[in-house]
Amino acid sequence: MGTIKFFADSTCDLPPEWIEKYDIGIVPLYVTFGDATYRDGVDLQVPELYDQVAATGRLPKTAAPSPADFIAAFSPYIAEGRSIIYISLSSELSSTYQNALIAAEEFPEGQVHVFDSLNLSSGIGLQVMKAVRAAEDGKSATDILTMLEAVRPQVETEFVIDSLDYLYKGGRCSGMQNLVGSLLRIRPVIKVIDGKMTPAYKVRGSREKAMDQLLQNALARIPEMDNDLIFITHSLADEDAVQLEAALADATQAREIAISNAGCVISSHCGAKTIGILFTKSITQS
């Protein structure tokens, strides 16, 4: 057991086996359908989420963990004499970061470090794994936070959304845009820029065309990749993820390519069959 305990929230979309192996604490966000509230990944899984959306025709509401949730999660480790580094969902997307800062004030100064990933999904997970590996190399909390400051702007996060339906249900596109997009088979591509979900471009045509564009965009960045870890993160798009994994394994020198599943919060905003490629650029190439 190290002196540093790492935490993330349920939007980090790390594989469960990695969370267990590296002893990463997870604080779940909340998903609410009507009067029923669930903890992301604890009380509600993605297939159940989609079943409820199909039954009701409405998306759930999502909410950040409260300061009390963070205090309850952190307290046992502070009592053991460990320090905590929590890497949060982007402050531009949620109050999760701010609530963690409030919780941190309840502990002795310097015991809880709250770091804003300015990212989502395995864009957070990439930063968590950088931190975990730095700790394994004996780096201090201060060193790790300095490293994260350098890594954060180098994370490349790009997702293809298969349908405009969830964007429409969530109020992020109009009914006419949804109709026209469906007729023309338009698939938006979302990137994370400055901590925000930003429409980057649209692919018109088959899903295969959109997948190929996503892959080619990643392959074009090979000279910039740090070759440590690439994530393929998806929501119920297993076959596509395996195909992308094979293509990236053939084309890159990545030491590890991991497939991970988007959780309920991410899936509720993007919808089924969403898939992304996420990696970190080498700092020396930035």
Protein backbone atom coordinates (compact mmCIF):
# COMPACT_ATOMS: atom_id res chain seq x y z
CA MET A 1 0.00 0.00 0.00
CA GLY A 2 1.51 3.30 -1.10
CA THR A 3 1.38 6.54 0.79
CA ILE A 4 -0.77 8.12 -1.96
CA LYS A 5 -4.33 6.98 -2.61
CA PHE A 6 -5.62 7.87 -6.07
CA PHE A 7 -9.26 8.70 -6.69
CA ALA A 8 -11.30 9.41 -9.79
CA ASP A 9 -15.04 9.57 -10.38
CA SER A 10 -17.24 7.18 -12.30
CA THR A 11 -16.83 9.13 -15.54
CA CYS A 12 -13.16 8.09 -15.86
CA ASP A 13 -14.26 4.87 -17.60
CA LEU A 14 -11.24 2.86 -16.51
CA PRO A 15 -11.60 -0.92 -16.91
CA PRO A 16 -12.86 -2.45 -13.62
CA GLU A 17 -9.88 -4.78 -13.44
CA TRP A 18 -7.51 -1.81 -13.55
CA ILE A 19 -9.42 -0.05 -10.80
CA GLU A 20 -8.98 -3.13 -8.63
CA LYS A 21 -5.38 -3.81 -9.61
CA TYR A 22 -4.18 -0.27 -8.94
CA ASP A 23 -6.42 0.33 -5.91
CA ILE A 24 -8.10 3.39 -7.45
CA GLY A 25 -10.98 4.86 -5.49
CA ILE A 26 -14.08 5.71 -7.53
CA VAL A 27 -16.68 8.26 -6.44
CA PRO A 28 -19.86 7.71 -8.47
CA LEU A 29 -21.94 10.43 -10.06
CA TYR A 30 -25.71 10.16 -9.92
CA VAL A 31 -28.25 9.28 -12.60
CA THR A 32 -31.92 10.09 -11.96
CA PHE A 33 -35.02 8.82 -13.76
CA GLY A 34 -38.10 10.44 -12.28
CA ASP A 35 -38.10 9.73 -8.56
CA ALA A 36 -35.41 7.05 -8.75
CA THR A 37 -31.76 7.99 -8.30
CA TYR A 38 -28.90 5.62 -9.02
CA ARG A 39 -25.15 5.66 -8.53
CA ASP A 40 -23.37 5.43 -11.87
CA GLY A 41 -21.86 1.98 -12.27
CA VAL A 42 -23.05 0.84 -8.83
CA ASP A 43 -26.85 0.75 -8.92
CA LEU A 44 -27.24 1.25 -12.66
CA GLN A 45 -25.39 -0.23 -15.62
CA VAL A 46 -25.41 1.00 -19.21
CA PRO A 47 -27.80 -1.61 -20.70
CA GLU A 48 -30.32 -0.76 -17.96
CA LEU A 49 -29.88 2.93 -18.72
CA TYR A 50 -30.76 2.41 -22.37
CA ASP A 51 -33.74 0.24 -21.43
CA GLN A 52 -35.13 3.03 -19.26
CA VAL A 53 -34.58 5.67 -21.96
CA ALA A 54 -36.35 3.44 -24.50
CA ALA A 55 -39.26 2.89 -22.11
CA THR A 56 -39.71 6.55 -21.14
CA GLY A 57 -38.48 8.35 -24.25
CA ARG A 58 -36.55 10.70 -21.97
CA LEU A 59 -32.97 11.02 -20.85
CA PRO A 60 -32.12 10.90 -17.16
CA LYS A 61 -30.71 13.79 -15.22
CA THR A 62 -27.15 13.46 -14.01
CA ALA A 63 -25.65 15.03 -10.92
CA ALA A 64 -22.26 15.42 -9.27
CA PRO A 65 -21.31 13.72 -6.02
CA SER A 66 -21.89 15.99 -3.04
CA PRO A 67 -19.09 17.29 -0.81
CA ALA A 68 -20.36 14.81 1.79
CA ASP A 69 -19.87 11.96 -0.69
CA PHE A 70 -16.24 12.97 -1.16
CA ILE A 71 -15.66 13.37 2.56
CA ALA A 72 -17.03 9.86 3.19
CA ALA A 73 -14.84 8.43 0.41
CA PHE A 74 -11.64 10.20 1.49
CA SER A 75 -11.89 9.91 5.28
CA PRO A 76 -10.80 6.27 5.77
CA TYR A 77 -7.55 6.87 3.88
CA ILE A 78 -6.76 10.12 5.65
CA ALA A 79 -7.28 8.22 8.91
CA GLU A 80 -4.63 5.74 7.72
CA GLY A 81 -2.19 8.60 7.25
CA ARG A 82 -2.28 8.54 3.46
CA SER A 83 -2.56 11.56 1.18
CA ILE A 84 -5.07 11.66 -1.65
CA ILE A 85 -4.88 12.79 -5.27
CA TYR A 86 -8.31 13.01 -6.85
CA ILE A 87 -8.44 13.55 -10.64
CA SER A 88 -11.85 14.92 -11.53
CA LEU A 89 -14.24 15.24 -14.43
CA SER A 90 -13.72 18.56 -16.21
CA SER A 91 -14.87 21.58 -14.21
CA GLU A 92 -16.32 22.91 -17.47
CA LEU A 93 -18.81 20.04 -17.58
CA SER A 94 -19.82 19.41 -13.98
CA SER A 95 -19.70 20.72 -10.41
CA THR A 96 -17.89 17.53 -9.41
CA TYR A 97 -14.54 19.32 -9.21
CA GLN A 98 -15.90 22.18 -7.11
CA ASN A 99 -17.61 19.79 -4.70
CA ALA A 100 -14.36 17.88 -4.24
CA LEU A 101 -12.57 21.15 -3.45
CA ILE A 102 -15.16 21.88 -0.76
CA ALA A 103 -14.59 18.41 0.70
CA ALA A 104 -10.81 18.86 0.64
CA GLU A 105 -11.13 21.87 2.94
CA GLU A 106 -12.43 19.57 5.68
CA PHE A 107 -9.09 17.80 5.93
CA PRO A 108 -5.66 19.02 7.06
CA GLU A 109 -3.98 21.21 4.48
CA GLY A 110 -2.04 19.25 1.90
CA GLN A 111 -3.75 15.92 2.60
CA VAL A 112 -6.23 16.01 -0.29
CA HIS A 113 -5.15 17.26 -3.69
CA VAL A 114 -7.93 17.90 -6.23
CA PHE A 115 -6.80 18.01 -9.85
CA ASP A 116 -9.07 19.14 -12.69
CA SER A 117 -8.55 16.80 -15.65
CA LEU A 118 -10.31 19.21 -18.02
CA ASN A 119 -11.46 16.05 -19.74
CA LEU A 120 -13.97 13.24 -19.61
CA SER A 121 -14.20 9.47 -19.93
CA SER A 122 -10.86 7.74 -20.45
CA GLY A 123 -9.35 11.17 -21.13
CA ILE A 124 -9.46 11.27 -17.33
CA GLY A 125 -8.34 7.64 -17.17
CA LEU A 126 -5.19 8.42 -19.15
CA GLN A 127 -4.21 11.01 -16.54
CA VAL A 128 -5.03 8.66 -13.68
CA MET A 129 -2.77 5.98 -15.13
CA LYS A 130 0.07 8.47 -15.65
CA ALA A 131 -0.25 9.38 -11.97
CA VAL A 132 -0.40 5.76 -10.82
CA ARG A 133 2.73 4.86 -12.75
CA ALA A 134 4.57 7.92 -11.46
CA ALA A 135 3.76 6.83 -7.91
CA GLU A 136 5.06 3.35 -8.68
CA ASP A 137 8.32 5.04 -9.71
CA GLY A 138 8.51 6.68 -6.31
CA LYS A 139 7.38 10.18 -7.27
CA SER A 140 5.97 12.41 -4.55
CA ALA A 141 2.50 13.95 -4.62
CA THR A 142 4.03 17.29 -5.56
CA ASP A 143 5.98 15.72 -8.42
CA ILE A 144 2.89 13.90 -9.66
CA LEU A 145 0.76 17.04 -9.66
CA THR A 146 3.47 18.89 -11.58
CA MET A 147 3.60 16.06 -14.09
CA LEU A 148 -0.20 16.11 -14.47
CA GLU A 149 -0.13 19.83 -15.23
CA ALA A 150 2.18 19.05 -18.15
CA VAL A 151 0.24 16.00 -19.36
CA ARG A 152 -3.27 17.48 -19.16
CA PRO A 153 -3.13 19.64 -22.34
CA GLN A 154 -1.61 16.75 -24.28
CA VAL A 155 -4.61 14.43 -23.95
CA GLU A 156 -6.43 13.92 -27.25
CA THR A 157 -10.08 12.91 -26.89
CA GLU A 158 -12.23 12.28 -29.97
CA PHE A 159 -15.56 10.43 -30.18
CA VAL A 160 -17.91 9.56 -33.02
CA ILE A 161 -21.56 9.74 -32.00
CA ASP A 162 -23.63 7.25 -33.96
CA SER A 163 -26.96 9.05 -33.80
CA LEU A 164 -28.21 12.56 -33.09
CA ASP A 165 -31.09 11.12 -31.05
CA TYR A 166 -29.46 11.51 -27.64
CA LEU A 167 -28.19 14.97 -28.50
CA TYR A 168 -31.78 15.87 -29.43
CA LYS A 169 -33.25 14.37 -26.26
CA GLY A 170 -30.64 16.26 -24.26
CA GLY A 171 -31.52 19.56 -25.90
CA ARG A 172 -28.21 19.86 -27.74
CA CYS A 173 -29.74 19.82 -31.22
CA SER A 174 -33.17 20.70 -32.63
CA GLY A 175 -35.83 18.34 -33.87
CA MET A 176 -35.16 19.47 -37.43
CA GLN A 177 -31.42 18.85 -37.05
CA ASN A 178 -32.20 15.41 -35.68
CA LEU A 179 -34.52 14.60 -38.57
CA VAL A 180 -32.18 15.90 -41.27
CA GLY A 181 -29.19 14.26 -39.61
CA SER A 182 -30.98 10.92 -39.53
CA LEU A 183 -32.05 11.17 -43.17
CA LEU A 184 -28.55 12.09 -44.32
CA ARG A 185 -26.87 9.68 -41.92
CA ILE A 186 -24.82 12.42 -40.30
CA ARG A 187 -22.60 11.40 -37.41
CA PRO A 188 -21.07 14.20 -35.36
CA VAL A 189 -17.53 13.94 -34.05
CA ILE A 190 -16.90 15.42 -30.62
CA LYS A 191 -13.53 16.53 -29.30
CA VAL A 192 -12.63 17.82 -25.87
CA ILE A 193 -11.07 21.27 -26.15
CA ASP A 194 -10.27 23.39 -23.10
CA GLY A 195 -12.32 21.07 -20.95
CA LYS A 196 -15.48 21.34 -23.07
CA MET A 197 -17.25 18.97 -25.45
CA THR A 198 -16.81 20.64 -28.83
CA PRO A 199 -18.35 19.56 -32.16
CA ALA A 200 -15.29 19.08 -34.37
CA TYR A 201 -16.82 18.00 -37.68
CA LYS A 202 -19.49 15.72 -39.12
CA VAL A 203 -19.19 12.55 -41.15
CA ARG A 204 -21.96 11.87 -43.67
CA GLY A 205 -22.58 8.33 -44.79
CA SER A 206 -22.06 4.89 -43.37
CA ARG A 207 -20.87 4.05 -39.89
CA GLU A 208 -17.87 2.36 -41.50
CA LYS A 209 -16.91 5.67 -43.08
CA ALA A 210 -17.14 7.43 -39.73
CA MET A 211 -15.07 4.73 -38.06
CA ASP A 212 -12.41 4.97 -40.74
CA GLN A 213 -12.26 8.75 -40.35
CA LEU A 214 -11.82 8.37 -36.59
CA LEU A 215 -9.01 5.87 -37.16
CA GLN A 216 -7.27 7.94 -39.81
CA ASN A 217 -7.35 11.00 -37.56
CA ALA A 218 -5.58 9.03 -34.85
CA LEU A 219 -3.06 7.50 -37.25
CA ALA A 220 -2.17 10.96 -38.54
CA ARG A 221 -1.02 11.81 -35.03
CA ILE A 222 1.31 8.84 -34.64
CA PRO A 223 4.47 11.01 -34.67
CA GLU A 224 3.05 12.91 -31.69
CA MET A 225 1.91 9.93 -29.59
CA ASP A 226 3.85 9.11 -26.46
CA ASN A 227 3.37 5.35 -27.16
CA ASP A 228 2.43 4.65 -23.56
CA LEU A 229 -1.29 3.93 -23.72
CA ILE A 230 -4.18 4.29 -26.16
CA PHE A 231 -7.78 3.90 -25.07
CA ILE A 232 -10.66 2.82 -27.26
CA THR A 233 -13.74 3.73 -25.27
CA HIS A 234 -17.26 2.88 -26.39
CA SER A 235 -20.88 2.45 -25.39
CA LEU A 236 -22.12 -0.94 -26.59
CA ALA A 237 -19.89 -1.00 -29.67
CA ASP A 238 -17.78 -4.04 -28.82
CA GLU A 239 -17.11 -5.31 -32.34
CA ASP A 240 -16.06 -1.89 -33.59
CA ALA A 241 -13.74 -1.48 -30.61
CA VAL A 242 -12.00 -4.78 -31.36
CA GLN A 243 -11.52 -3.75 -35.00
CA LEU A 244 -10.02 -0.42 -33.99
CA GLU A 245 -7.76 -2.15 -31.50
CA ALA A 246 -6.37 -4.43 -34.20
CA ALA A 247 -5.81 -1.53 -36.61
CA LEU A 248 -4.05 0.57 -33.97
CA ALA A 249 -1.91 -2.37 -32.89
CA ASP A 250 -0.74 -2.84 -36.48
CA ALA A 251 -0.02 0.83 -37.11
CA THR A 252 1.39 2.17 -33.84
CA GLN A 253 4.17 1.37 -31.41
CA ALA A 254 1.87 1.72 -28.40
CA ARG A 255 2.92 -0.36 -25.43
CA GLU A 256 -0.71 -0.91 -24.50
CA ILE A 257 -4.04 -0.48 -26.24
CA ALA A 258 -6.99 -0.85 -23.89
CA ILE A 259 -10.69 -1.15 -24.60
CA SER A 260 -12.98 0.39 -22.01
CA ASN A 261 -16.71 0.84 -21.65
CA ALA A 262 -18.33 4.23 -21.20
CA GLY A 263 -20.37 4.44 -18.03
CA CYS A 264 -23.93 5.62 -17.53
CA VAL A 265 -23.20 9.34 -17.28
CA ILE A 266 -21.13 9.48 -20.47
CA SER A 267 -23.57 7.17 -22.29
CA SER A 268 -26.58 9.26 -21.27
CA HIS A 269 -25.12 12.24 -23.12
CA CYS A 270 -23.84 10.43 -26.22
CA GLY A 271 -25.98 7.33 -26.79
CA ALA A 272 -25.37 3.77 -27.88
CA LYS A 273 -22.63 2.92 -30.38
CA THR A 274 -20.61 6.01 -29.49
CA ILE A 275 -16.92 5.19 -29.79
CA GLY A 276 -13.71 7.13 -29.33
CA ILE A 277 -9.94 6.93 -29.55
CA LEU A 278 -8.03 8.67 -26.77
CA PHE A 279 -4.30 9.06 -26.30
CA THR A 280 -1.67 11.37 -24.91
CA LYS A 281 0.75 13.31 -27.05
CA SER A 282 4.38 13.25 -26.11
CA ILE A 283 5.28 16.35 -24.15
CA THR A 284 8.49 16.67 -26.19
CA GLN A 285 6.35 16.85 -29.34
CA SER A 286 3.96 19.52 -28.08
